């Protein structure tokens, strides 16, 4: 089977909204995704599983470009495909794209209880910058504000490439082939 990481298009809107419901509890509407796809200040990436019969959206990620900053707004993988490194692969792609856009920093909010996501972000150089009380309404929970101040660091570029190569090799041993789109 093949996995392709590519820009999210309107062809996947219905699947995107369904995946949003599963991953985020219905964070964004179809109209919101349409606006993000059309916005020159947003980048949405998709992970699409391909086999002989069909394609299936299994991951989405997004950042907003705000001045020199990438504000990561979404990173979600279908629960059936978690714990395989796909979130790491998608996050690496988002950070590489932010670098290509000449963004210097990145930030995001994450539930304080989401320890696996926090570990992933810290692995890629994010650090806790603060806390937002009751940021998430359902269920009520604080958010940690994470910050990465050196997207333009050459060492980060090398780290992202090595992580992607390692993750792609691991997935290959499990029968997945990773295709990259521009």
N, C-alpha and C. Protein backbone atom coordinates (compact mmCIF):
# COMPACT_ATOMS: atom_id res chain seq x y z
N UNK A 1 0.84 -1.19 0.00
CA UNK A 1 0.00 0.00 0.00
C UNK A 1 0.88 1.24 0.00
N UNK A 2 0.29 2.31 -0.46
CA UNK A 2 1.03 3.56 -0.55
C UNK A 2 0.37 4.63 0.33
N UNK A 3 1.21 5.51 0.86
CA UNK A 3 0.75 6.68 1.58
C UNK A 3 1.32 7.90 0.86
N UNK A 4 0.47 8.87 0.63
CA UNK A 4 0.93 10.10 -0.02
C UNK A 4 0.63 11.28 0.90
N UNK A 5 1.64 12.12 1.08
CA UNK A 5 1.47 13.37 1.82
C UNK A 5 1.41 14.47 0.78
N UNK A 6 0.28 15.18 0.77
CA UNK A 6 0.07 16.19 -0.27
C UNK A 6 -0.83 17.29 0.25
N UNK A 7 -0.87 18.42 -0.48
CA UNK A 7 -1.79 19.49 -0.07
C UNK A 7 -3.24 18.99 -0.10
N UNK A 8 -3.99 19.38 0.91
CA UNK A 8 -5.40 19.02 0.99
C UNK A 8 -6.17 19.82 -0.05
N UNK A 9 -7.02 19.15 -0.80
CA UNK A 9 -7.84 19.83 -1.81
C UNK A 9 -9.31 19.65 -1.48
N UNK A 10 -10.14 20.38 -2.19
CA UNK A 10 -11.58 20.30 -1.97
C UNK A 10 -12.15 18.94 -2.35
N UNK A 11 -11.40 18.14 -3.11
CA UNK A 11 -11.84 16.79 -3.44
C UNK A 11 -12.03 15.94 -2.19
N UNK A 12 -11.35 16.30 -1.10
CA UNK A 12 -11.38 15.52 0.13
C UNK A 12 -12.22 16.18 1.22
N UNK A 13 -13.06 17.16 0.87
CA UNK A 13 -13.79 17.90 1.91
C UNK A 13 -14.67 17.02 2.78
N UNK A 14 -15.45 16.15 2.19
CA UNK A 14 -16.35 15.31 2.99
C UNK A 14 -15.55 14.41 3.93
N UNK A 15 -14.48 13.80 3.42
CA UNK A 15 -13.64 12.95 4.26
C UNK A 15 -12.94 13.76 5.34
N UNK A 16 -12.57 15.00 5.00
CA UNK A 16 -11.89 15.86 5.97
C UNK A 16 -12.80 16.19 7.15
N UNK A 17 -14.03 16.54 6.85
CA UNK A 17 -14.98 16.86 7.92
C UNK A 17 -15.24 15.62 8.78
N UNK A 18 -15.34 14.45 8.15
CA UNK A 18 -15.55 13.21 8.90
C UNK A 18 -14.34 12.92 9.79
N UNK A 19 -13.13 13.09 9.26
CA UNK A 19 -11.92 12.85 10.05
C UNK A 19 -11.80 13.88 11.17
N UNK A 20 -12.20 15.11 10.91
CA UNK A 20 -12.21 16.16 11.93
C UNK A 20 -13.11 15.73 13.09
N UNK A 21 -14.28 15.20 12.79
CA UNK A 21 -15.20 14.76 13.85
C UNK A 21 -14.56 13.68 14.71
N UNK A 22 -13.87 12.75 14.05
CA UNK A 22 -13.23 11.64 14.78
C UNK A 22 -12.06 12.15 15.63
N UNK A 23 -11.22 12.99 15.04
CA UNK A 23 -9.99 13.42 15.71
C UNK A 23 -10.19 14.59 16.67
N UNK A 24 -11.07 15.53 16.32
CA UNK A 24 -11.18 16.77 17.07
C UNK A 24 -12.58 17.05 17.60
N UNK A 25 -13.52 16.16 17.36
CA UNK A 25 -14.87 16.35 17.85
C UNK A 25 -15.68 17.38 17.08
N UNK A 26 -15.30 17.62 15.82
CA UNK A 26 -16.05 18.59 14.99
C UNK A 26 -15.55 20.00 15.17
N UNK A 27 -14.26 20.18 15.18
CA UNK A 27 -13.65 21.49 15.38
C UNK A 27 -14.02 22.48 14.27
N UNK A 28 -13.85 22.04 13.02
CA UNK A 28 -14.13 22.93 11.89
C UNK A 28 -15.25 22.36 11.03
N UNK A 29 -15.97 23.26 10.37
CA UNK A 29 -17.04 22.88 9.45
C UNK A 29 -16.48 22.72 8.04
N UNK A 30 -17.31 22.23 7.15
CA UNK A 30 -16.93 22.12 5.74
C UNK A 30 -16.56 23.49 5.19
N UNK A 31 -17.36 24.50 5.52
CA UNK A 31 -17.08 25.87 5.06
C UNK A 31 -15.75 26.39 5.58
N UNK A 32 -15.43 26.07 6.83
CA UNK A 32 -14.15 26.50 7.40
C UNK A 32 -12.99 25.86 6.65
N UNK A 33 -13.11 24.58 6.32
CA UNK A 33 -12.05 23.92 5.55
C UNK A 33 -11.93 24.52 4.15
N UNK A 34 -13.06 24.83 3.53
CA UNK A 34 -13.01 25.47 2.21
C UNK A 34 -12.25 26.80 2.28
N UNK A 35 -12.54 27.60 3.31
CA UNK A 35 -11.85 28.89 3.47
C UNK A 35 -10.35 28.69 3.68
N UNK A 36 -10.00 27.68 4.48
CA UNK A 36 -8.58 27.42 4.73
C UNK A 36 -7.86 26.97 3.46
N UNK A 37 -8.50 26.12 2.68
CA UNK A 37 -7.90 25.67 1.42
C UNK A 37 -7.68 26.85 0.49
N UNK A 38 -8.62 27.79 0.46
CA UNK A 38 -8.52 28.95 -0.43
C UNK A 38 -7.60 30.05 0.10
N UNK A 39 -7.28 30.04 1.38
CA UNK A 39 -6.49 31.11 1.98
C UNK A 39 -5.02 31.01 1.59
N UNK A 40 -4.44 32.14 1.15
CA UNK A 40 -3.00 32.13 0.84
C UNK A 40 -2.13 32.07 2.10
N UNK A 41 -2.73 32.24 3.27
CA UNK A 41 -1.97 32.23 4.52
C UNK A 41 -2.11 30.92 5.29
N UNK A 42 -2.75 29.93 4.69
CA UNK A 42 -2.92 28.63 5.34
C UNK A 42 -2.30 27.54 4.48
N UNK A 43 -1.78 26.54 5.16
CA UNK A 43 -1.33 25.34 4.47
C UNK A 43 -1.98 24.15 5.15
N UNK A 44 -2.72 23.38 4.37
CA UNK A 44 -3.31 22.14 4.86
C UNK A 44 -2.66 20.99 4.11
N UNK A 45 -2.18 20.00 4.86
CA UNK A 45 -1.61 18.80 4.26
C UNK A 45 -2.48 17.61 4.63
N UNK A 46 -2.49 16.63 3.72
CA UNK A 46 -3.26 15.41 3.91
C UNK A 46 -2.34 14.20 3.79
N UNK A 47 -2.66 13.16 4.56
CA UNK A 47 -2.05 11.86 4.33
C UNK A 47 -3.16 11.00 3.74
N UNK A 48 -2.89 10.49 2.55
CA UNK A 48 -3.87 9.70 1.83
C UNK A 48 -3.32 8.28 1.66
N UNK A 49 -4.10 7.30 2.07
CA UNK A 49 -3.75 5.89 1.89
C UNK A 49 -4.30 5.47 0.53
N UNK A 50 -3.44 4.86 -0.28
CA UNK A 50 -3.85 4.42 -1.62
C UNK A 50 -3.65 2.92 -1.74
N UNK A 51 -4.65 2.27 -2.29
CA UNK A 51 -4.49 0.88 -2.68
C UNK A 51 -5.19 0.71 -4.03
N UNK A 52 -5.24 -0.49 -4.52
CA UNK A 52 -5.78 -0.72 -5.86
C UNK A 52 -7.23 -0.27 -5.97
N UNK A 53 -7.99 -0.37 -4.90
CA UNK A 53 -9.42 -0.08 -4.96
C UNK A 53 -9.76 1.40 -4.81
N UNK A 54 -9.04 2.10 -3.88
CA UNK A 54 -9.46 3.48 -3.61
C UNK A 54 -8.40 4.24 -2.83
N UNK A 55 -8.73 5.51 -2.59
CA UNK A 55 -7.91 6.37 -1.74
C UNK A 55 -8.71 6.69 -0.49
N UNK A 56 -8.01 6.84 0.63
CA UNK A 56 -8.68 7.18 1.87
C UNK A 56 -7.84 8.20 2.63
N UNK A 57 -8.48 9.27 3.07
CA UNK A 57 -7.82 10.29 3.89
C UNK A 57 -7.65 9.74 5.30
N UNK A 58 -6.40 9.71 5.78
CA UNK A 58 -6.17 9.17 7.12
C UNK A 58 -5.44 10.15 8.03
N UNK A 59 -5.07 11.33 7.51
CA UNK A 59 -4.41 12.32 8.35
C UNK A 59 -4.52 13.72 7.78
N UNK A 60 -4.60 14.70 8.68
CA UNK A 60 -4.65 16.10 8.26
C UNK A 60 -3.80 16.94 9.19
N UNK A 61 -3.20 17.98 8.63
CA UNK A 61 -2.43 18.93 9.40
C UNK A 61 -2.55 20.30 8.77
N UNK A 62 -2.44 21.34 9.59
CA UNK A 62 -2.60 22.70 9.09
C UNK A 62 -1.76 23.67 9.89
N UNK A 63 -1.24 24.70 9.20
CA UNK A 63 -0.71 25.86 9.91
C UNK A 63 -1.17 27.13 9.22
N UNK A 64 -1.24 28.18 10.01
CA UNK A 64 -1.50 29.52 9.51
C UNK A 64 -0.19 30.28 9.55
N UNK A 65 0.12 31.00 8.49
CA UNK A 65 1.30 31.86 8.46
C UNK A 65 0.87 33.23 8.98
N UNK A 66 1.43 33.61 10.12
CA UNK A 66 1.11 34.90 10.74
C UNK A 66 2.44 35.63 10.95
N UNK A 67 2.69 36.63 10.15
CA UNK A 67 3.95 37.37 10.12
C UNK A 67 5.08 36.35 9.89
N UNK A 68 6.00 36.14 10.85
CA UNK A 68 7.08 35.17 10.66
C UNK A 68 6.80 33.86 11.38
N UNK A 69 5.55 33.62 11.75
CA UNK A 69 5.22 32.50 12.61
C UNK A 69 4.27 31.51 11.94
N UNK A 70 4.52 30.23 12.17
CA UNK A 70 3.59 29.16 11.76
C UNK A 70 2.78 28.80 13.00
N UNK A 71 1.49 29.08 12.95
CA UNK A 71 0.61 28.69 14.05
C UNK A 71 -0.03 27.37 13.65
N UNK A 72 0.43 26.27 14.27
CA UNK A 72 -0.10 24.94 13.96
C UNK A 72 -1.49 24.82 14.57
N UNK A 73 -2.47 24.61 13.72
CA UNK A 73 -3.86 24.58 14.17
C UNK A 73 -4.45 23.17 14.23
N UNK A 74 -3.93 22.27 13.41
CA UNK A 74 -4.45 20.90 13.36
C UNK A 74 -3.32 19.91 13.14
N UNK A 75 -3.43 18.78 13.78
CA UNK A 75 -2.58 17.62 13.48
C UNK A 75 -3.36 16.42 13.97
N UNK A 76 -3.92 15.67 13.03
CA UNK A 76 -4.76 14.54 13.41
C UNK A 76 -4.58 13.35 12.50
N UNK A 77 -4.54 12.17 13.10
CA UNK A 77 -4.43 10.91 12.38
C UNK A 77 -5.62 10.03 12.76
N UNK A 78 -6.22 9.41 11.76
CA UNK A 78 -7.33 8.47 12.00
C UNK A 78 -6.88 7.46 13.08
N UNK A 79 -7.73 7.23 14.09
CA UNK A 79 -7.35 6.32 15.18
C UNK A 79 -6.90 4.93 14.74
N UNK A 80 -7.40 4.44 13.61
CA UNK A 80 -7.00 3.13 13.11
C UNK A 80 -5.55 3.11 12.60
N UNK A 81 -4.96 4.28 12.41
CA UNK A 81 -3.62 4.36 11.84
C UNK A 81 -2.63 5.04 12.78
N UNK A 82 -3.01 5.23 14.02
CA UNK A 82 -2.12 5.85 15.00
C UNK A 82 -1.05 4.87 15.46
N UNK A 83 -0.05 5.43 16.14
CA UNK A 83 1.06 4.65 16.71
C UNK A 83 1.93 3.99 15.65
N UNK A 84 1.96 4.61 14.45
CA UNK A 84 2.83 4.10 13.38
C UNK A 84 3.84 5.16 12.95
N UNK A 85 3.79 6.34 13.56
CA UNK A 85 4.70 7.42 13.20
C UNK A 85 4.17 8.37 12.15
N UNK A 86 2.89 8.24 11.79
CA UNK A 86 2.33 9.11 10.76
C UNK A 86 2.19 10.55 11.24
N UNK A 87 1.87 10.73 12.52
CA UNK A 87 1.79 12.09 13.07
C UNK A 87 3.15 12.77 13.01
N UNK A 88 4.19 12.04 13.34
CA UNK A 88 5.55 12.57 13.27
C UNK A 88 5.91 12.95 11.83
N UNK A 89 5.58 12.08 10.90
CA UNK A 89 5.86 12.34 9.49
C UNK A 89 5.13 13.59 9.01
N UNK A 90 3.87 13.71 9.39
CA UNK A 90 3.06 14.88 8.99
C UNK A 90 3.58 16.15 9.64
N UNK A 91 3.94 16.09 10.92
CA UNK A 91 4.49 17.27 11.60
C UNK A 91 5.81 17.70 10.96
N UNK A 92 6.65 16.75 10.62
CA UNK A 92 7.92 17.09 9.94
C UNK A 92 7.64 17.82 8.62
N UNK A 93 6.66 17.33 7.87
CA UNK A 93 6.30 17.98 6.61
C UNK A 93 5.78 19.40 6.83
N UNK A 94 4.94 19.58 7.84
CA UNK A 94 4.43 20.92 8.15
C UNK A 94 5.57 21.87 8.50
N UNK A 95 6.51 21.40 9.31
CA UNK A 95 7.63 22.27 9.70
C UNK A 95 8.55 22.55 8.53
N UNK A 96 8.75 21.57 7.65
CA UNK A 96 9.55 21.83 6.45
C UNK A 96 8.88 22.86 5.56
N UNK A 97 7.57 22.74 5.39
CA UNK A 97 6.83 23.72 4.58
C UNK A 97 6.90 25.11 5.22
N UNK A 98 6.81 25.18 6.54
CA UNK A 98 6.93 26.47 7.23
C UNK A 98 8.31 27.07 6.95
N UNK A 99 9.33 26.26 6.95
CA UNK A 99 10.68 26.73 6.62
C UNK A 99 10.73 27.25 5.17
N UNK A 100 10.10 26.50 4.25
CA UNK A 100 10.06 26.93 2.85
C UNK A 100 9.34 28.26 2.69
N UNK A 101 8.36 28.52 3.54
CA UNK A 101 7.64 29.78 3.52
C UNK A 101 8.42 30.88 4.24
N UNK A 102 9.64 30.59 4.68
CA UNK A 102 10.51 31.53 5.40
C UNK A 102 9.95 31.95 6.75
N UNK A 103 9.17 31.06 7.37
CA UNK A 103 8.67 31.34 8.71
C UNK A 103 9.77 30.97 9.71
N UNK A 104 9.91 31.78 10.74
CA UNK A 104 11.03 31.64 11.67
C UNK A 104 10.68 30.91 12.96
N UNK A 105 9.41 30.93 13.32
CA UNK A 105 8.97 30.34 14.59
C UNK A 105 7.69 29.55 14.36
N UNK A 106 7.37 28.71 15.35
CA UNK A 106 6.11 27.97 15.30
C UNK A 106 5.52 27.91 16.70
N UNK A 107 4.20 27.89 16.76
CA UNK A 107 3.50 27.78 18.03
C UNK A 107 2.26 26.92 17.85
N UNK A 108 1.74 26.43 18.97
CA UNK A 108 0.52 25.63 18.96
C UNK A 108 -0.02 25.53 20.37
N UNK A 109 -1.27 25.08 20.48
CA UNK A 109 -1.86 24.73 21.76
C UNK A 109 -2.16 23.24 21.74
N UNK A 110 -2.01 22.61 22.90
CA UNK A 110 -2.28 21.18 23.02
C UNK A 110 -2.88 20.91 24.40
N UNK A 111 -3.82 19.99 24.46
CA UNK A 111 -4.42 19.61 25.75
C UNK A 111 -3.33 19.14 26.70
N UNK A 112 -3.41 19.56 27.96
CA UNK A 112 -2.40 19.15 28.94
C UNK A 112 -2.40 17.63 29.13
N UNK A 113 -3.52 16.97 28.87
CA UNK A 113 -3.60 15.51 29.03
C UNK A 113 -3.05 14.74 27.82
N UNK A 114 -2.77 15.41 26.73
CA UNK A 114 -2.33 14.74 25.50
C UNK A 114 -0.81 14.53 25.55
N UNK A 115 -0.40 13.63 26.42
CA UNK A 115 1.03 13.43 26.67
C UNK A 115 1.78 12.90 25.45
N UNK A 116 1.14 12.08 24.63
CA UNK A 116 1.83 11.56 23.45
C UNK A 116 2.10 12.68 22.44
N UNK A 117 1.15 13.59 22.26
CA UNK A 117 1.37 14.72 21.36
C UNK A 117 2.45 15.65 21.92
N UNK A 118 2.40 15.91 23.21
CA UNK A 118 3.41 16.77 23.84
C UNK A 118 4.80 16.17 23.65
N UNK A 119 4.93 14.87 23.83
CA UNK A 119 6.23 14.21 23.64
C UNK A 119 6.71 14.36 22.19
N UNK A 120 5.80 14.22 21.24
CA UNK A 120 6.16 14.39 19.83
C UNK A 120 6.65 15.81 19.56
N UNK A 121 5.89 16.80 20.04
CA UNK A 121 6.29 18.19 19.81
C UNK A 121 7.63 18.50 20.46
N UNK A 122 7.85 18.00 21.67
CA UNK A 122 9.12 18.24 22.34
C UNK A 122 10.26 17.56 21.61
N UNK A 123 10.01 16.39 21.04
CA UNK A 123 11.03 15.67 20.25
C UNK A 123 11.51 16.53 19.09
N UNK A 124 10.61 17.34 18.55
CA UNK A 124 10.95 18.18 17.41
C UNK A 124 11.35 19.61 17.81
N UNK A 125 11.60 19.82 19.09
CA UNK A 125 12.18 21.09 19.53
C UNK A 125 11.22 22.11 20.11
N UNK A 126 9.96 21.75 20.29
CA UNK A 126 9.02 22.67 20.92
C UNK A 126 9.23 22.64 22.44
N UNK A 127 8.99 23.78 23.05
CA UNK A 127 9.09 23.91 24.51
C UNK A 127 7.84 24.60 25.03
N UNK A 128 7.50 24.31 26.28
CA UNK A 128 6.32 24.93 26.90
C UNK A 128 6.61 26.41 27.12
N UNK A 129 5.68 27.25 26.64
CA UNK A 129 5.82 28.71 26.78
C UNK A 129 4.75 29.28 27.70
N UNK A 130 3.73 28.50 28.01
CA UNK A 130 2.67 29.00 28.88
C UNK A 130 1.51 28.03 28.92
N UNK A 131 0.44 28.49 29.55
CA UNK A 131 -0.75 27.66 29.75
C UNK A 131 -1.98 28.54 29.57
N UNK A 132 -2.99 28.02 28.87
CA UNK A 132 -4.27 28.72 28.71
C UNK A 132 -5.31 27.97 29.54
N UNK A 133 -5.82 28.63 30.57
CA UNK A 133 -6.80 28.05 31.47
C UNK A 133 -8.12 27.81 30.73
N UNK A 134 -8.67 26.60 30.88
CA UNK A 134 -9.96 26.22 30.28
C UNK A 134 -10.05 26.55 28.79
N UNK A 135 -8.98 26.35 28.07
CA UNK A 135 -8.93 26.66 26.63
C UNK A 135 -9.88 25.76 25.84
N UNK A 136 -9.93 24.49 26.22
CA UNK A 136 -10.80 23.54 25.52
C UNK A 136 -12.11 23.44 26.29
N UNK A 137 -13.26 23.65 25.58
CA UNK A 137 -14.54 23.64 26.28
C UNK A 137 -15.11 22.24 26.55
N UNK A 138 -14.89 21.28 25.61
CA UNK A 138 -15.51 19.97 25.76
C UNK A 138 -14.47 18.88 25.53
N UNK A 139 -14.10 18.12 26.53
CA UNK A 139 -14.34 18.42 27.93
C UNK A 139 -13.45 19.57 28.37
N UNK A 140 -13.85 20.29 29.42
CA UNK A 140 -13.06 21.44 29.87
C UNK A 140 -11.64 21.02 30.26
N UNK A 141 -10.67 21.73 29.69
CA UNK A 141 -9.28 21.39 29.98
C UNK A 141 -8.38 22.55 29.59
N UNK A 142 -7.30 22.68 30.32
CA UNK A 142 -6.29 23.69 29.99
C UNK A 142 -5.50 23.25 28.76
N UNK A 143 -4.87 24.22 28.13
CA UNK A 143 -3.96 23.96 27.01
C UNK A 143 -2.57 24.43 27.38
N UNK A 144 -1.59 23.68 26.95
CA UNK A 144 -0.22 24.16 27.02
C UNK A 144 0.06 24.91 25.72
N UNK A 145 0.75 26.02 25.83
CA UNK A 145 1.21 26.75 24.66
C UNK A 145 2.64 26.29 24.42
N UNK A 146 2.87 25.71 23.24
CA UNK A 146 4.21 25.25 22.89
C UNK A 146 4.79 26.17 21.83
N UNK A 147 6.10 26.33 21.88
CA UNK A 147 6.77 27.30 21.04
C UNK A 147 8.06 26.70 20.49
N UNK A 148 8.32 26.97 19.23
CA UNK A 148 9.60 26.59 18.60
C UNK A 148 10.15 27.87 17.99
N UNK A 149 11.28 28.34 18.48
CA UNK A 149 11.78 29.65 18.08
C UNK A 149 12.84 29.61 16.98
N UNK A 150 13.18 28.42 16.47
CA UNK A 150 14.30 28.36 15.52
C UNK A 150 13.99 27.50 14.29
N UNK A 151 12.91 27.80 13.59
CA UNK A 151 12.61 27.05 12.38
C UNK A 151 13.67 27.25 11.30
N UNK A 152 14.35 28.39 11.35
CA UNK A 152 15.36 28.68 10.33
C UNK A 152 16.72 28.06 10.64
N UNK A 153 16.83 27.33 11.74
CA UNK A 153 18.07 26.67 12.12
C UNK A 153 18.38 25.52 11.17
N UNK A 154 19.57 25.50 10.62
CA UNK A 154 19.98 24.46 9.68
C UNK A 154 19.97 23.07 10.34
N UNK A 155 20.26 23.03 11.63
CA UNK A 155 20.23 21.75 12.34
C UNK A 155 18.82 21.16 12.36
N UNK A 156 17.81 22.03 12.42
CA UNK A 156 16.43 21.53 12.40
C UNK A 156 16.13 20.90 11.05
N UNK A 157 16.58 21.53 9.98
CA UNK A 157 16.34 20.97 8.63
C UNK A 157 16.91 19.55 8.54
N UNK A 158 18.13 19.38 9.01
CA UNK A 158 18.77 18.07 8.99
C UNK A 158 18.01 17.07 9.86
N UNK A 159 17.59 17.52 11.03
CA UNK A 159 16.84 16.65 11.94
C UNK A 159 15.52 16.20 11.31
N UNK A 160 14.81 17.13 10.67
CA UNK A 160 13.54 16.79 10.02
C UNK A 160 13.76 15.77 8.91
N UNK A 161 14.81 15.96 8.12
CA UNK A 161 15.09 15.02 7.03
C UNK A 161 15.43 13.64 7.57
N UNK A 162 16.25 13.58 8.61
CA UNK A 162 16.63 12.29 9.18
C UNK A 162 15.43 11.57 9.79
N UNK A 163 14.58 12.33 10.50
CA UNK A 163 13.39 11.71 11.09
C UNK A 163 12.46 11.16 10.01
N UNK A 164 12.29 11.92 8.92
CA UNK A 164 11.42 11.46 7.85
C UNK A 164 11.99 10.22 7.16
N UNK A 165 13.30 10.20 6.95
CA UNK A 165 13.93 9.03 6.34
C UNK A 165 13.77 7.80 7.24
N UNK A 166 14.00 7.99 8.53
CA UNK A 166 13.88 6.89 9.48
C UNK A 166 12.44 6.38 9.53
N UNK A 167 11.49 7.30 9.62
CA UNK A 167 10.07 6.92 9.71
C UNK A 167 9.63 6.24 8.42
N UNK A 168 10.06 6.75 7.27
CA UNK A 168 9.70 6.13 5.98
C UNK A 168 10.27 4.72 5.88
N UNK A 169 11.50 4.52 6.34
CA UNK A 169 12.12 3.19 6.31
C UNK A 169 11.36 2.23 7.22
N UNK A 170 10.96 2.69 8.40
CA UNK A 170 10.20 1.85 9.32
C UNK A 170 8.86 1.46 8.70
N UNK A 171 8.18 2.43 8.09
CA UNK A 171 6.88 2.14 7.47
C UNK A 171 7.04 1.19 6.28
N UNK A 172 8.15 1.31 5.57
CA UNK A 172 8.41 0.42 4.44
C UNK A 172 8.50 -1.03 4.90
N UNK A 173 9.10 -1.25 6.07
CA UNK A 173 9.20 -2.62 6.59
C UNK A 173 7.82 -3.18 6.96
N UNK A 174 6.84 -2.30 7.13
CA UNK A 174 5.48 -2.74 7.45
C UNK A 174 4.58 -2.78 6.22
N UNK A 175 5.21 -2.60 5.03
CA UNK A 175 4.45 -2.70 3.79
C UNK A 175 3.92 -1.39 3.25
N UNK A 176 4.33 -0.26 3.84
CA UNK A 176 3.86 1.05 3.36
C UNK A 176 4.95 1.70 2.52
N UNK A 177 4.56 2.27 1.42
CA UNK A 177 5.46 3.07 0.60
C UNK A 177 5.00 4.53 0.71
N UNK A 178 5.94 5.43 1.04
CA UNK A 178 5.60 6.85 1.22
C UNK A 178 5.88 7.59 -0.08
N UNK A 179 4.86 8.24 -0.63
CA UNK A 179 4.99 9.08 -1.80
C UNK A 179 4.96 10.54 -1.34
N UNK A 180 5.81 11.36 -1.90
CA UNK A 180 5.82 12.78 -1.56
C UNK A 180 5.28 13.60 -2.73
N UNK A 181 4.41 14.51 -2.45
CA UNK A 181 3.90 15.45 -3.46
C UNK A 181 4.37 16.84 -3.11
N UNK A 182 4.38 17.69 -4.09
CA UNK A 182 4.76 19.10 -3.82
C UNK A 182 3.57 20.00 -3.82
